[in-house]
Amino acid sequence: MGKLRNFVTPLHQATQRDYLARMVDDKVHCMQVAKQYSAEYWDGDRRYGYGGYRYIPGRWKPVAEALIETYQLGPGSQILDVGCGKGYLLYELLQLQPDLMICGFDSSEYALENAKEEIRPFLFQQQAQTPYPFGDNEFDLVISLGTLHNLRLFELKSALGEIDRVGRQGYVMLESYRNDREMFNLQCWALTAESFFDLSEWIWLYRHFGYRGDYEFIFFE
């Protein structure tokens, strides 16, 4: 298996969250709305998701820089983003290295329709757990940020297998916890997650499913 990375954690820690307020705000209803991954989830009220997921110049730049440096991405390198959302990270990658060959997919039609105009031609609709329309080792790097914890266990096996199959290198980031407080906060905050595992359980799953790429966890401290 690959290495534990720290690309997204600083960005995640910069956001303040009121965990209890979300838990008591008719959360079952909010979860049902969020799991549609439509306008309410991306750009509606914060109780349903992001509360307005808009492009902020440079926000994803540190993550893009880390990916380029760590995985030695240069002109012609091919990158696939599994669960790309509106594609802001792919856009930032292109700003730093315009000759990258990017591709991304997401299950949300709304997110893809509202992606950065410059990269829409490189995006398509697909679920992370279904077979990918690509050959073995077709990509130099396959990434997936904040997506796989939204899958059930048998779907995780399929998604991790496909990520490992189509990429020479991999990087997966998802939500986890290390203690009871972080578990409680995550359960309060998460709207779309289907898989709640602590750090050691996720690592066990990666090994059990044969995932060989790098990984990162974000925690709700």
C-alpha atoms as a PDB file:
ATOM      1  CA  MET A   1       0.000   0.000   0.000  1.00  0.00           C
ATOM      2  CA  GLY A   2       1.037   3.598  -0.507  1.00  0.00           C
ATOM      3  CA  LYS A   3       1.785   6.453   1.879  1.00  0.00           C
ATOM      4  CA  LEU A   4      -0.290   8.587   4.243  1.00  0.00           C
ATOM      5  CA  ARG A   5      -0.457  12.107   2.801  1.00  0.00           C
ATOM      6  CA  ASN A   6      -1.339  15.548   4.170  1.00  0.00           C
ATOM      7  CA  PHE A   7      -2.571  17.516   1.160  1.00  0.00           C
ATOM      8  CA  VAL A   8      -6.130  18.527   2.123  1.00  0.00           C
ATOM      9  CA  THR A   9      -6.024  18.570   5.945  1.00  0.00           C
ATOM     10  CA  PRO A  10      -4.835  22.220   6.238  1.00  0.00           C
ATOM     11  CA  LEU A  11      -7.697  23.348   3.995  1.00  0.00           C
ATOM     12  CA  HIS A  12     -10.201  21.256   5.950  1.00  0.00           C
ATOM     13  CA  GLN A  13      -9.019  22.643   9.294  1.00  0.00           C
ATOM     14  CA  ALA A  14      -9.517  26.243   8.143  1.00  0.00           C
ATOM     15  CA  THR A  15     -13.324  25.838   8.226  1.00  0.00           C
ATOM     16  CA  GLN A  16     -15.340  26.244  11.441  1.00  0.00           C
ATOM     17  CA  ARG A  17     -18.294  23.867  12.020  1.00  0.00           C
ATOM     18  CA  ASP A  18     -21.158  23.791  14.542  1.00  0.00           C
ATOM     19  CA  TYR A  19     -21.645  20.042  14.922  1.00  0.00           C
ATOM     20  CA  LEU A  20     -24.543  20.069  17.387  1.00  0.00           C
ATOM     21  CA  ALA A  21     -26.512  22.630  15.390  1.00  0.00           C
ATOM     22  CA  ARG A  22     -26.459  20.361  12.359  1.00  0.00           C
ATOM     23  CA  MET A  23     -27.429  17.283  14.355  1.00  0.00           C
ATOM     24  CA  VAL A  24     -30.597  18.878  15.809  1.00  0.00           C
ATOM     25  CA  ASP A  25     -31.681  20.621  12.580  1.00  0.00           C
ATOM     26  CA  ASP A  26     -34.152  17.977  11.309  1.00  0.00           C
ATOM     27  CA  LYS A  27     -31.119  16.042  10.192  1.00  0.00           C
ATOM     28  CA  VAL A  28     -32.911  13.093   8.595  1.00  0.00           C
ATOM     29  CA  HIS A  29     -34.706  15.471   6.241  1.00  0.00           C
ATOM     30  CA  CYS A  30     -31.448  17.302   5.478  1.00  0.00           C
ATOM     31  CA  MET A  31     -29.711  13.995   4.737  1.00  0.00           C
ATOM     32  CA  GLN A  32     -32.439  12.981   2.326  1.00  0.00           C
ATOM     33  CA  VAL A  33     -32.120  16.274   0.463  1.00  0.00           C
ATOM     34  CA  ALA A  34     -28.307  16.153   0.459  1.00  0.00           C
ATOM     35  CA  LYS A  35     -28.195  12.639  -0.999  1.00  0.00           C
ATOM     36  CA  GLN A  36     -29.879  13.884  -4.154  1.00  0.00           C
ATOM     37  CA  TYR A  37     -26.658  15.835  -4.904  1.00  0.00           C
ATOM     38  CA  SER A  38     -28.674  18.529  -6.643  1.00  0.00           C
ATOM     39  CA  ALA A  39     -28.718  22.321  -6.331  1.00  0.00           C
ATOM     40  CA  GLU A  40     -29.653  22.254  -2.636  1.00  0.00           C
ATOM     41  CA  TYR A  41     -26.599  20.148  -1.774  1.00  0.00           C
ATOM     42  CA  TRP A  42     -24.096  22.269  -3.669  1.00  0.00           C
ATOM     43  CA  ASP A  43     -25.526  25.788  -3.586  1.00  0.00           C
ATOM     44  CA  GLY A  44     -28.495  25.762  -1.234  1.00  0.00           C
ATOM     45  CA  ASP A  45     -28.686  26.372   2.494  1.00  0.00           C
ATOM     46  CA  ARG A  46     -25.733  25.144   4.584  1.00  0.00           C
ATOM     47  CA  ARG A  47     -28.041  22.670   6.346  1.00  0.00           C
ATOM     48  CA  TYR A  48     -28.180  20.645   3.109  1.00  0.00           C
ATOM     49  CA  GLY A  49     -24.492  20.591   2.262  1.00  0.00           C
ATOM     50  CA  TYR A  50     -21.876  23.089   1.163  1.00  0.00           C
ATOM     51  CA  GLY A  51     -24.021  26.194   1.493  1.00  0.00           C
ATOM     52  CA  GLY A  52     -22.670  27.536  -1.798  1.00  0.00           C
ATOM     53  CA  TYR A  53     -19.772  25.691  -3.424  1.00  0.00           C
ATOM     54  CA  ARG A  54     -18.250  28.418  -5.577  1.00  0.00           C
ATOM     55  CA  TYR A  55     -14.873  28.805  -7.180  1.00  0.00           C
ATOM     56  CA  ILE A  56     -12.434  30.790  -5.030  1.00  0.00           C
ATOM     57  CA  PRO A  57      -9.230  31.569  -6.958  1.00  0.00           C
ATOM     58  CA  GLY A  58      -6.260  29.849  -5.370  1.00  0.00           C
ATOM     59  CA  ARG A  59      -8.210  27.921  -2.721  1.00  0.00           C
ATOM     60  CA  TRP A  60      -7.249  24.555  -4.197  1.00  0.00           C
ATOM     61  CA  LYS A  61      -3.849  25.713  -5.430  1.00  0.00           C
ATOM     62  CA  PRO A  62      -1.807  24.249  -2.501  1.00  0.00           C
ATOM     63  CA  VAL A  63      -3.424  20.851  -3.060  1.00  0.00           C
ATOM     64  CA  ALA A  64      -2.772  21.053  -6.804  1.00  0.00           C
ATOM     65  CA  GLU A  65       0.859  22.007  -6.176  1.00  0.00           C
ATOM     66  CA  ALA A  66       1.313  19.072  -3.803  1.00  0.00           C
ATOM     67  CA  LEU A  67      -0.153  16.631  -6.323  1.00  0.00           C
ATOM     68  CA  ILE A  68       2.053  17.890  -9.137  1.00  0.00           C
ATOM     69  CA  GLU A  69       5.198  17.754  -7.029  1.00  0.00           C
ATOM     70  CA  THR A  70       4.509  14.454  -5.267  1.00  0.00           C
ATOM     71  CA  TYR A  71       3.435  12.526  -8.354  1.00  0.00           C
ATOM     72  CA  GLN A  72       5.795  14.295 -10.784  1.00  0.00           C
ATOM     73  CA  LEU A  73       3.055  15.439 -13.129  1.00  0.00           C
ATOM     74  CA  GLY A  74       4.324  17.167 -16.233  1.00  0.00           C
ATOM     75  CA  PRO A  75       3.234  17.920 -19.798  1.00  0.00           C
ATOM     76  CA  GLY A  76       1.109  15.081 -21.108  1.00  0.00           C
ATOM     77  CA  SER A  77       0.509  13.453 -17.725  1.00  0.00           C
ATOM     78  CA  GLN A  78      -2.989  12.004 -17.527  1.00  0.00           C
ATOM     79  CA  ILE A  79      -5.108  12.546 -14.387  1.00  0.00           C
ATOM     80  CA  LEU A  80      -8.539  11.167 -13.506  1.00  0.00           C
ATOM     81  CA  ASP A  81     -10.643  12.671 -10.693  1.00  0.00           C
ATOM     82  CA  VAL A  82     -13.235  10.221  -9.296  1.00  0.00           C
ATOM     83  CA  GLY A  83     -16.077  12.259  -7.791  1.00  0.00           C
ATOM     84  CA  CYS A  84     -14.773  15.533  -9.195  1.00  0.00           C
ATOM     85  CA  GLY A  85     -17.801  17.657  -8.223  1.00  0.00           C
ATOM     86  CA  LYS A  86     -17.520  21.002  -9.989  1.00  0.00           C
ATOM     87  CA  GLY A  87     -13.954  20.232 -10.983  1.00  0.00           C
ATOM     88  CA  TYR A  88     -12.224  23.062  -9.163  1.00  0.00           C
ATOM     89  CA  LEU A  89      -9.157  20.981  -8.309  1.00  0.00           C
ATOM     90  CA  LEU A  90      -8.771  19.874 -11.927  1.00  0.00           C
ATOM     91  CA  TYR A  91      -9.020  23.505 -12.982  1.00  0.00           C
ATOM     92  CA  GLU A  92      -6.286  24.520 -10.528  1.00  0.00           C
ATOM     93  CA  LEU A  93      -4.074  21.714 -11.807  1.00  0.00           C
ATOM     94  CA  LEU A  94      -4.420  23.109 -15.309  1.00  0.00           C
ATOM     95  CA  GLN A  95      -3.553  26.606 -14.142  1.00  0.00           C
ATOM     96  CA  LEU A  96      -0.242  25.275 -12.833  1.00  0.00           C
ATOM     97  CA  GLN A  97       0.463  22.807 -15.647  1.00  0.00           C
ATOM     98  CA  PRO A  98      -1.582  23.681 -18.769  1.00  0.00           C
ATOM     99  CA  ASP A  99      -0.381  20.627 -20.696  1.00  0.00           C
ATOM    100  CA  LEU A 100      -1.897  18.060 -18.350  1.00  0.00           C
ATOM    101  CA  MET A 101      -4.471  15.668 -19.771  1.00  0.00           C
ATOM    102  CA  ILE A 102      -7.368  15.882 -17.313  1.00  0.00           C
ATOM    103  CA  CYS A 103     -10.537  13.840 -16.945  1.00  0.00           C
ATOM    104  CA  GLY A 104     -13.146  13.707 -14.217  1.00  0.00           C
ATOM    105  CA  PHE A 105     -16.531  12.260 -13.436  1.00  0.00           C
ATOM    106  CA  ASP A 106     -19.225  12.681 -10.827  1.00  0.00           C
ATOM    107  CA  SER A 107     -22.654  11.230 -10.139  1.00  0.00           C
ATOM    108  CA  SER A 108     -24.171  14.723  -9.808  1.00  0.00           C
ATOM    109  CA  GLU A 109     -25.595  16.168 -12.991  1.00  0.00           C
ATOM    110  CA  TYR A 110     -25.941  19.555 -11.283  1.00  0.00           C
ATOM    111  CA  ALA A 111     -22.264  19.670 -10.302  1.00  0.00           C
ATOM    112  CA  LEU A 112     -21.129  18.863 -13.823  1.00  0.00           C
ATOM    113  CA  GLU A 113     -23.438  21.451 -15.366  1.00  0.00           C
ATOM    114  CA  ASN A 114     -22.017  24.065 -13.002  1.00  0.00           C
ATOM    115  CA  ALA A 115     -18.356  23.134 -13.329  1.00  0.00           C
ATOM    116  CA  LYS A 116     -15.795  25.616 -14.587  1.00  0.00           C
ATOM    117  CA  GLU A 117     -16.622  26.220 -18.233  1.00  0.00           C
ATOM    118  CA  GLU A 118     -13.035  25.629 -19.306  1.00  0.00           C
ATOM    119  CA  ILE A 119     -13.024  22.015 -18.115  1.00  0.00           C
ATOM    120  CA  ARG A 120     -16.601  20.875 -18.787  1.00  0.00           C
ATOM    121  CA  PRO A 121     -15.544  19.107 -22.003  1.00  0.00           C
ATOM    122  CA  PHE A 122     -13.342  16.810 -19.920  1.00  0.00           C
ATOM    123  CA  LEU A 123     -16.052  15.767 -17.433  1.00  0.00           C
ATOM    124  CA  PHE A 124     -18.806  13.170 -17.609  1.00  0.00           C
ATOM    125  CA  GLN A 125     -21.463  11.610 -15.398  1.00  0.00           C
ATOM    126  CA  GLN A 126     -20.687   8.287 -13.734  1.00  0.00           C
ATOM    127  CA  GLN A 127     -20.860   6.605 -10.341  1.00  0.00           C
ATOM    128  CA  ALA A 128     -17.617   5.826  -8.530  1.00  0.00           C
ATOM    129  CA  GLN A 129     -18.580   2.199  -7.944  1.00  0.00           C
ATOM    130  CA  THR A 130     -19.427   1.224 -11.528  1.00  0.00           C
ATOM    131  CA  PRO A 131     -16.802  -0.032 -14.038  1.00  0.00           C
ATOM    132  CA  TYR A 132     -14.767   2.813 -15.511  1.00  0.00           C
ATOM    133  CA  PRO A 133     -14.603   3.131 -19.320  1.00  0.00           C
ATOM    134  CA  PHE A 134     -10.802   3.107 -19.337  1.00  0.00           C
ATOM    135  CA  GLY A 135      -8.020   0.619 -19.849  1.00  0.00           C
ATOM    136  CA  ASP A 136      -5.597  -0.733 -17.282  1.00  0.00           C
ATOM    137  CA  ASN A 137      -2.999   1.850 -16.148  1.00  0.00           C
ATOM    138  CA  GLU A 138      -4.439   4.421 -18.543  1.00  0.00           C
ATOM    139  CA  PHE A 139      -3.806   7.298 -16.125  1.00  0.00           C
ATOM    140  CA  ASP A 140      -0.613   8.475 -14.494  1.00  0.00           C
ATOM    141  CA  LEU A 141      -2.633   9.440 -11.406  1.00  0.00           C
ATOM    142  CA  VAL A 142      -6.169   8.739 -10.198  1.00  0.00           C
ATOM    143  CA  ILE A 143      -7.467  10.895  -7.346  1.00  0.00           C
ATOM    144  CA  SER A 144     -10.656  10.827  -5.310  1.00  0.00           C
ATOM    145  CA  LEU A 145     -11.378  13.447  -2.650  1.00  0.00           C
ATOM    146  CA  GLY A 146     -14.312  13.254  -0.243  1.00  0.00           C
ATOM    147  CA  THR A 147     -16.243  10.681  -2.268  1.00  0.00           C
ATOM    148  CA  LEU A 148     -15.632   7.086  -1.250  1.00  0.00           C
ATOM    149  CA  HIS A 149     -17.065   7.391   2.278  1.00  0.00           C
ATOM    150  CA  ASN A 150     -20.414   7.994   0.528  1.00  0.00           C
ATOM    151  CA  LEU A 151     -20.405   4.386  -0.705  1.00  0.00           C
ATOM    152  CA  ARG A 152     -21.523   1.204   1.015  1.00  0.00           C
ATOM    153  CA  LEU A 153     -18.990  -1.508   1.772  1.00  0.00           C
ATOM    154  CA  PHE A 154     -19.507  -3.621  -1.354  1.00  0.00           C
ATOM    155  CA  GLU A 155     -19.455  -0.451  -3.471  1.00  0.00           C
ATOM    156  CA  LEU A 156     -16.176   0.590  -1.854  1.00  0.00           C
ATOM    157  CA  LYS A 157     -14.590  -2.650  -3.004  1.00  0.00           C
ATOM    158  CA  SER A 158     -15.628  -1.953  -6.587  1.00  0.00           C
ATOM    159  CA  ALA A 159     -14.511   1.700  -6.549  1.00  0.00           C
ATOM    160  CA  LEU A 160     -11.117   1.003  -4.994  1.00  0.00           C
ATOM    161  CA  GLY A 161     -10.557  -1.823  -7.433  1.00  0.00           C
ATOM    162  CA  GLU A 162     -11.287   0.422 -10.410  1.00  0.00           C
ATOM    163  CA  ILE A 163      -9.118   3.265  -9.085  1.00  0.00           C
ATOM    164  CA  ASP A 164      -6.251   0.836  -8.647  1.00  0.00           C
ATOM    165  CA  ARG A 165      -6.842  -0.746 -12.061  1.00  0.00           C
ATOM    166  CA  VAL A 166      -6.876   2.372 -14.254  1.00  0.00           C
ATOM    167  CA  GLY A 167      -4.140   4.349 -12.468  1.00  0.00           C
ATOM    168  CA  ARG A 168      -0.402   3.867 -12.206  1.00  0.00           C
ATOM    169  CA  GLN A 169      -0.585   5.951  -9.019  1.00  0.00           C
ATOM    170  CA  GLY A 170      -3.510   6.689  -6.716  1.00  0.00           C
ATOM    171  CA  TYR A 171      -4.525   9.126  -3.998  1.00  0.00           C
ATOM    172  CA  VAL A 172      -7.770   8.835  -2.001  1.00  0.00           C
ATOM    173  CA  MET A 173      -8.980  11.241   0.692  1.00  0.00           C
ATOM    174  CA  LEU A 174     -12.003  10.595   2.898  1.00  0.00           C
ATOM    175  CA  GLU A 175     -13.533  11.240   6.320  1.00  0.00           C
ATOM    176  CA  SER A 176     -12.555   9.208   9.371  1.00  0.00           C
ATOM    177  CA  TYR A 177     -12.026   9.464  13.131  1.00  0.00           C
ATOM    178  CA  ARG A 178      -9.426   8.550  15.760  1.00  0.00           C
ATOM    179  CA  ASN A 179     -11.412   8.797  19.003  1.00  0.00           C
ATOM    180  CA  ASP A 180     -14.949   9.012  20.374  1.00  0.00           C
ATOM    181  CA  ARG A 181     -15.174  12.782  20.084  1.00  0.00           C
ATOM    182  CA  GLU A 182     -14.198  12.788  16.422  1.00  0.00           C
ATOM    183  CA  MET A 183     -16.623   9.933  15.774  1.00  0.00           C
ATOM    184  CA  PHE A 184     -19.444  11.907  17.399  1.00  0.00           C
ATOM    185  CA  ASN A 185     -18.575  15.075  15.475  1.00  0.00           C
ATOM    186  CA  LEU A 186     -18.421  13.185  12.191  1.00  0.00           C
ATOM    187  CA  GLN A 187     -21.764  11.522  12.819  1.00  0.00           C
ATOM    188  CA  CYS A 188     -23.264  14.919  13.634  1.00  0.00           C
ATOM    189  CA  TRP A 189     -21.822  16.605  10.568  1.00  0.00           C
ATOM    190  CA  ALA A 190     -21.979  14.009   7.803  1.00  0.00           C
ATOM    191  CA  LEU A 191     -25.015  14.191   5.530  1.00  0.00           C
ATOM    192  CA  THR A 192     -24.137  11.776   2.748  1.00  0.00           C
ATOM    193  CA  ALA A 193     -21.669   9.304   4.305  1.00  0.00           C
ATOM    194  CA  GLU A 194     -22.579   5.622   4.258  1.00  0.00           C
ATOM    195  CA  SER A 195     -19.301   4.216   5.626  1.00  0.00           C
ATOM    196  CA  PHE A 196     -18.112   5.279   9.083  1.00  0.00           C
ATOM    197  CA  PHE A 197     -14.770   3.678   9.971  1.00  0.00           C
ATOM    198  CA  ASP A 198     -11.883   4.723  12.155  1.00  0.00           C
ATOM    199  CA  LEU A 199      -8.386   5.172  10.763  1.00  0.00           C
ATOM    200  CA  SER A 200      -7.191   1.627  11.405  1.00  0.00           C
ATOM    201  CA  GLU A 201     -10.360   0.135   9.919  1.00  0.00           C
ATOM    202  CA  TRP A 202      -9.943   2.123   6.707  1.00  0.00           C
ATOM    203  CA  ILE A 203      -6.328   1.010   6.369  1.00  0.00           C
ATOM    204  CA  TRP A 204      -7.414  -2.590   6.920  1.00  0.00           C
ATOM    205  CA  LEU A 205     -10.057  -2.200   4.189  1.00  0.00           C
ATOM    206  CA  TYR A 206      -7.542  -0.734   1.768  1.00  0.00           C
ATOM    207  CA  ARG A 207      -5.269  -3.729   2.274  1.00  0.00           C
ATOM    208  CA  HIS A 208      -8.149  -6.218   2.193  1.00  0.00           C
ATOM    209  CA  PHE A 209      -9.451  -4.785  -1.095  1.00  0.00           C
ATOM    210  CA  GLY A 210      -5.972  -4.603  -2.612  1.00  0.00           C
ATOM    211  CA  TYR A 211      -5.760  -0.813  -2.953  1.00  0.00           C
ATOM    212  CA  ARG A 212      -2.104   0.128  -3.512  1.00  0.00           C
ATOM    213  CA  GLY A 213      -2.262   3.927  -3.745  1.00  0.00           C
ATOM    214  CA  ASP A 214      -1.745   6.765  -1.289  1.00  0.00           C
ATOM    215  CA  TYR A 215      -4.396   7.959   1.135  1.00  0.00           C
ATOM    216  CA  GLU A 216      -5.387  10.774   3.477  1.00  0.00           C
ATOM    217  CA  PHE A 217      -8.022  11.195   6.165  1.00  0.00           C
ATOM    218  CA  ILE A 218      -9.737  14.340   7.367  1.00  0.00           C
ATOM    219  CA  PHE A 219     -10.943  14.443  10.962  1.00  0.00           C
ATOM    220  CA  PHE A 220     -13.617  16.506  12.691  1.00  0.00           C
ATOM    221  CA  GLU A 221     -11.815  17.614  15.823  1.00  0.00           C
END
